[in-house]
Amino acid sequence: MDNNTAERLCKISALGRKNYLFVGNEKGGRAAAIHYSMVSSAKANAVEPFAWLRACYSQLPHHRGGKAFAQCEAEEPVTSDELDTLLPDKWLESNPEARWEMGEQRRHEREAADRRKRYRRLNRKRK
């Protein structure tokens, strides 16, 4: 048994602790928190974060005049479902190519690291 998964999860908050010192001001901290929350939501729903965020940021301006934005500007709870298609799980249904399998991603990373190690070993032997 190993605890690699637990250590990997702890590493995120340890790295974040250092990074959060430099958000600049309260507005920057709020923006960072929203961004980190969105990325975490994408990961939790097995959606490739960059593809989903790019789609959200490109589609949000088209909803600017909608009911959800009006509710938000009036500081009311957003009850409109017009933005539901941008939720990670709903978005993934219409974009299955953006499914993000962490196990496969890590396998590719391990294979790349193994190739680099072999390359270095071969170059050391040649010298």
C-alpha atoms as a PDB file:
ATOM      1  CA  MET A   1       0.000   0.000   0.000  1.00  0.00           C
ATOM      2  CA  ASP A   2       1.112   3.531  -0.608  1.00  0.00           C
ATOM      3  CA  ASN A   3      -0.212   6.972   0.112  1.00  0.00           C
ATOM      4  CA  ASN A   4       0.706   8.666  -3.180  1.00  0.00           C
ATOM      5  CA  THR A   5      -2.863   9.861  -3.777  1.00  0.00           C
ATOM      6  CA  ALA A   6      -3.110  11.464  -0.333  1.00  0.00           C
ATOM      7  CA  GLU A   7       0.294  13.103  -0.712  1.00  0.00           C
ATOM      8  CA  ARG A   8      -0.622  14.457  -4.152  1.00  0.00           C
ATOM      9  CA  LEU A   9      -3.794  16.004  -2.731  1.00  0.00           C
ATOM     10  CA  CYS A  10      -1.876  17.615   0.164  1.00  0.00           C
ATOM     11  CA  LYS A  11       0.690  19.027  -2.250  1.00  0.00           C
ATOM     12  CA  ILE A  12      -1.989  21.123  -3.986  1.00  0.00           C
ATOM     13  CA  SER A  13      -2.896  23.057  -0.853  1.00  0.00           C
ATOM     14  CA  ALA A  14       0.761  23.379   0.219  1.00  0.00           C
ATOM     15  CA  LEU A  15       1.694  24.934  -3.121  1.00  0.00           C
ATOM     16  CA  GLY A  16      -1.424  27.073  -3.055  1.00  0.00           C
ATOM     17  CA  ARG A  17      -0.575  28.462   0.370  1.00  0.00           C
ATOM     18  CA  LYS A  18       2.539  30.087  -1.090  1.00  0.00           C
ATOM     19  CA  ASN A  19       0.744  31.303  -4.209  1.00  0.00           C
ATOM     20  CA  TYR A  20      -2.202  32.791  -2.319  1.00  0.00           C
ATOM     21  CA  LEU A  21       0.112  35.266  -0.594  1.00  0.00           C
ATOM     22  CA  PHE A  22       0.491  37.150  -3.858  1.00  0.00           C
ATOM     23  CA  VAL A  23      -3.050  37.662  -5.123  1.00  0.00           C
ATOM     24  CA  GLY A  24      -2.583  41.411  -4.754  1.00  0.00           C
ATOM     25  CA  ASN A  25      -5.861  42.523  -3.250  1.00  0.00           C
ATOM     26  CA  GLU A  26      -9.322  41.316  -2.288  1.00  0.00           C
ATOM     27  CA  LYS A  27     -10.632  41.534  -5.851  1.00  0.00           C
ATOM     28  CA  GLY A  28      -7.687  39.468  -7.107  1.00  0.00           C
ATOM     29  CA  GLY A  29      -8.252  36.913  -4.357  1.00  0.00           C
ATOM     30  CA  ARG A  30     -11.919  36.608  -5.308  1.00  0.00           C
ATOM     31  CA  ALA A  31     -11.012  36.133  -8.989  1.00  0.00           C
ATOM     32  CA  ALA A  32      -8.389  33.507  -8.085  1.00  0.00           C
ATOM     33  CA  ALA A  33     -10.884  31.658  -5.880  1.00  0.00           C
ATOM     34  CA  ILE A  34     -13.453  31.595  -8.689  1.00  0.00           C
ATOM     35  CA  HIS A  35     -10.860  30.344 -11.164  1.00  0.00           C
ATOM     36  CA  TYR A  36      -9.572  27.613  -8.819  1.00  0.00           C
ATOM     37  CA  SER A  37     -13.166  26.562  -8.107  1.00  0.00           C
ATOM     38  CA  MET A  38     -13.948  26.300 -11.802  1.00  0.00           C
ATOM     39  CA  VAL A  39     -10.835  24.226 -12.500  1.00  0.00           C
ATOM     40  CA  SER A  40     -11.613  21.943  -9.550  1.00  0.00           C
ATOM     41  CA  SER A  41     -15.206  21.508 -10.770  1.00  0.00           C
ATOM     42  CA  ALA A  42     -13.939  20.532 -14.200  1.00  0.00           C
ATOM     43  CA  LYS A  43     -11.517  17.996 -12.733  1.00  0.00           C
ATOM     44  CA  ALA A  44     -14.196  16.550 -10.449  1.00  0.00           C
ATOM     45  CA  ASN A  45     -16.452  16.005 -13.473  1.00  0.00           C
ATOM     46  CA  ALA A  46     -13.642  14.476 -15.607  1.00  0.00           C
ATOM     47  CA  VAL A  47     -13.677  17.422 -18.008  1.00  0.00           C
ATOM     48  CA  GLU A  48     -10.465  18.761 -19.517  1.00  0.00           C
ATOM     49  CA  PRO A  49     -10.265  22.156 -17.715  1.00  0.00           C
ATOM     50  CA  PHE A  50      -8.676  24.235 -20.481  1.00  0.00           C
ATOM     51  CA  ALA A  51     -11.211  23.156 -23.128  1.00  0.00           C
ATOM     52  CA  TRP A  52     -14.152  23.777 -20.803  1.00  0.00           C
ATOM     53  CA  LEU A  53     -12.922  27.181 -19.594  1.00  0.00           C
ATOM     54  CA  ARG A  54     -12.217  28.281 -23.171  1.00  0.00           C
ATOM     55  CA  ALA A  55     -15.777  27.294 -24.153  1.00  0.00           C
ATOM     56  CA  CYS A  56     -17.285  29.039 -21.106  1.00  0.00           C
ATOM     57  CA  TYR A  57     -15.374  32.263 -21.627  1.00  0.00           C
ATOM     58  CA  SER A  58     -16.240  32.340 -25.329  1.00  0.00           C
ATOM     59  CA  GLN A  59     -19.964  31.619 -24.771  1.00  0.00           C
ATOM     60  CA  LEU A  60     -20.641  33.800 -21.715  1.00  0.00           C
ATOM     61  CA  PRO A  61     -20.704  37.104 -23.664  1.00  0.00           C
ATOM     62  CA  HIS A  62     -23.580  35.709 -25.763  1.00  0.00           C
ATOM     63  CA  HIS A  63     -25.649  35.331 -22.573  1.00  0.00           C
ATOM     64  CA  ARG A  64     -24.891  38.869 -21.363  1.00  0.00           C
ATOM     65  CA  GLY A  65     -28.400  40.193 -21.970  1.00  0.00           C
ATOM     66  CA  GLY A  66     -30.089  37.158 -20.447  1.00  0.00           C
ATOM     67  CA  LYS A  67     -32.068  36.654 -17.281  1.00  0.00           C
ATOM     68  CA  ALA A  68     -29.178  35.100 -15.299  1.00  0.00           C
ATOM     69  CA  PHE A  69     -26.956  38.174 -15.734  1.00  0.00           C
ATOM     70  CA  ALA A  70     -29.841  40.487 -14.819  1.00  0.00           C
ATOM     71  CA  GLN A  71     -30.416  38.522 -11.607  1.00  0.00           C
ATOM     72  CA  CYS A  72     -26.713  38.619 -10.797  1.00  0.00           C
ATOM     73  CA  GLU A  73     -26.450  42.384 -11.372  1.00  0.00           C
ATOM     74  CA  ALA A  74     -29.469  42.924  -9.131  1.00  0.00           C
ATOM     75  CA  GLU A  75     -27.644  40.824  -6.488  1.00  0.00           C
ATOM     76  CA  GLU A  76     -30.480  38.299  -6.501  1.00  0.00           C
ATOM     77  CA  PRO A  77     -29.986  34.522  -6.451  1.00  0.00           C
ATOM     78  CA  VAL A  78     -29.595  33.214  -9.995  1.00  0.00           C
ATOM     79  CA  THR A  79     -32.588  30.968 -10.638  1.00  0.00           C
ATOM     80  CA  SER A  80     -32.473  30.963 -14.433  1.00  0.00           C
ATOM     81  CA  ASP A  81     -31.390  27.742 -16.169  1.00  0.00           C
ATOM     82  CA  GLU A  82     -30.069  29.454 -19.314  1.00  0.00           C
ATOM     83  CA  LEU A  83     -26.450  28.905 -18.202  1.00  0.00           C
ATOM     84  CA  ASP A  84     -26.945  25.250 -17.203  1.00  0.00           C
ATOM     85  CA  THR A  85     -25.493  24.092 -20.519  1.00  0.00           C
ATOM     86  CA  LEU A  86     -22.154  25.568 -19.396  1.00  0.00           C
ATOM     87  CA  LEU A  87     -21.960  23.403 -16.259  1.00  0.00           C
ATOM     88  CA  PRO A  88     -19.111  20.907 -16.638  1.00  0.00           C
ATOM     89  CA  ASP A  89     -21.239  17.738 -16.593  1.00  0.00           C
ATOM     90  CA  LYS A  90     -23.808  19.136 -19.039  1.00  0.00           C
ATOM     91  CA  TRP A  91     -21.113  20.576 -21.301  1.00  0.00           C
ATOM     92  CA  LEU A  92     -19.331  17.201 -21.393  1.00  0.00           C
ATOM     93  CA  GLU A  93     -22.476  15.528 -22.748  1.00  0.00           C
ATOM     94  CA  SER A  94     -22.278  17.686 -25.867  1.00  0.00           C
ATOM     95  CA  ASN A  95     -18.436  17.597 -26.019  1.00  0.00           C
ATOM     96  CA  PRO A  96     -17.397  13.995 -25.212  1.00  0.00           C
ATOM     97  CA  GLU A  97     -13.992  14.492 -26.835  1.00  0.00           C
ATOM     98  CA  ALA A  98     -13.060  16.716 -23.868  1.00  0.00           C
ATOM     99  CA  ARG A  99     -13.306  13.855 -21.335  1.00  0.00           C
ATOM    100  CA  TRP A 100     -10.260  13.998 -19.099  1.00  0.00           C
ATOM    101  CA  GLU A 101      -8.985  10.745 -17.704  1.00  0.00           C
ATOM    102  CA  MET A 102      -6.402  11.512 -15.035  1.00  0.00           C
ATOM    103  CA  GLY A 103      -5.163   7.914 -14.972  1.00  0.00           C
ATOM    104  CA  GLU A 104      -4.369   8.051 -18.661  1.00  0.00           C
ATOM    105  CA  GLN A 105      -2.808  11.497 -18.311  1.00  0.00           C
ATOM    106  CA  ARG A 106      -0.543  10.262 -15.527  1.00  0.00           C
ATOM    107  CA  ARG A 107       0.383   7.189 -17.574  1.00  0.00           C
ATOM    108  CA  HIS A 108       1.513   9.458 -20.432  1.00  0.00           C
ATOM    109  CA  GLU A 109       3.522  11.554 -17.974  1.00  0.00           C
ATOM    110  CA  ARG A 110       5.204   8.446 -16.513  1.00  0.00           C
ATOM    111  CA  GLU A 111       6.022   7.145 -19.996  1.00  0.00           C
ATOM    112  CA  ALA A 112       7.549  10.501 -20.954  1.00  0.00           C
ATOM    113  CA  ALA A 113       9.613  10.529 -17.743  1.00  0.00           C
ATOM    114  CA  ASP A 114      10.804   6.972 -18.448  1.00  0.00           C
ATOM    115  CA  ARG A 115      11.825   7.979 -21.988  1.00  0.00           C
ATOM    116  CA  ARG A 116      13.796  10.935 -20.612  1.00  0.00           C
ATOM    117  CA  LYS A 117      15.559   8.673 -18.085  1.00  0.00           C
ATOM    118  CA  ARG A 118      16.472   6.144 -20.780  1.00  0.00           C
ATOM    119  CA  TYR A 119      17.744   8.934 -23.028  1.00  0.00           C
ATOM    120  CA  ARG A 120      19.943  10.319 -20.233  1.00  0.00           C
ATOM    121  CA  ARG A 121      21.315   6.858 -19.399  1.00  0.00           C
ATOM    122  CA  LEU A 122      22.186   6.210 -23.038  1.00  0.00           C
ATOM    123  CA  ASN A 123      23.921   9.568 -23.352  1.00  0.00           C
ATOM    124  CA  ARG A 124      25.969   8.928 -20.184  1.00  0.00           C
ATOM    125  CA  LYS A 125      27.128   5.575 -21.511  1.00  0.00           C
ATOM    126  CA  ARG A 126      28.220   7.136 -24.818  1.00  0.00           C
ATOM    127  CA  LYS A 127      30.449   9.728 -23.101  1.00  0.00           C
END
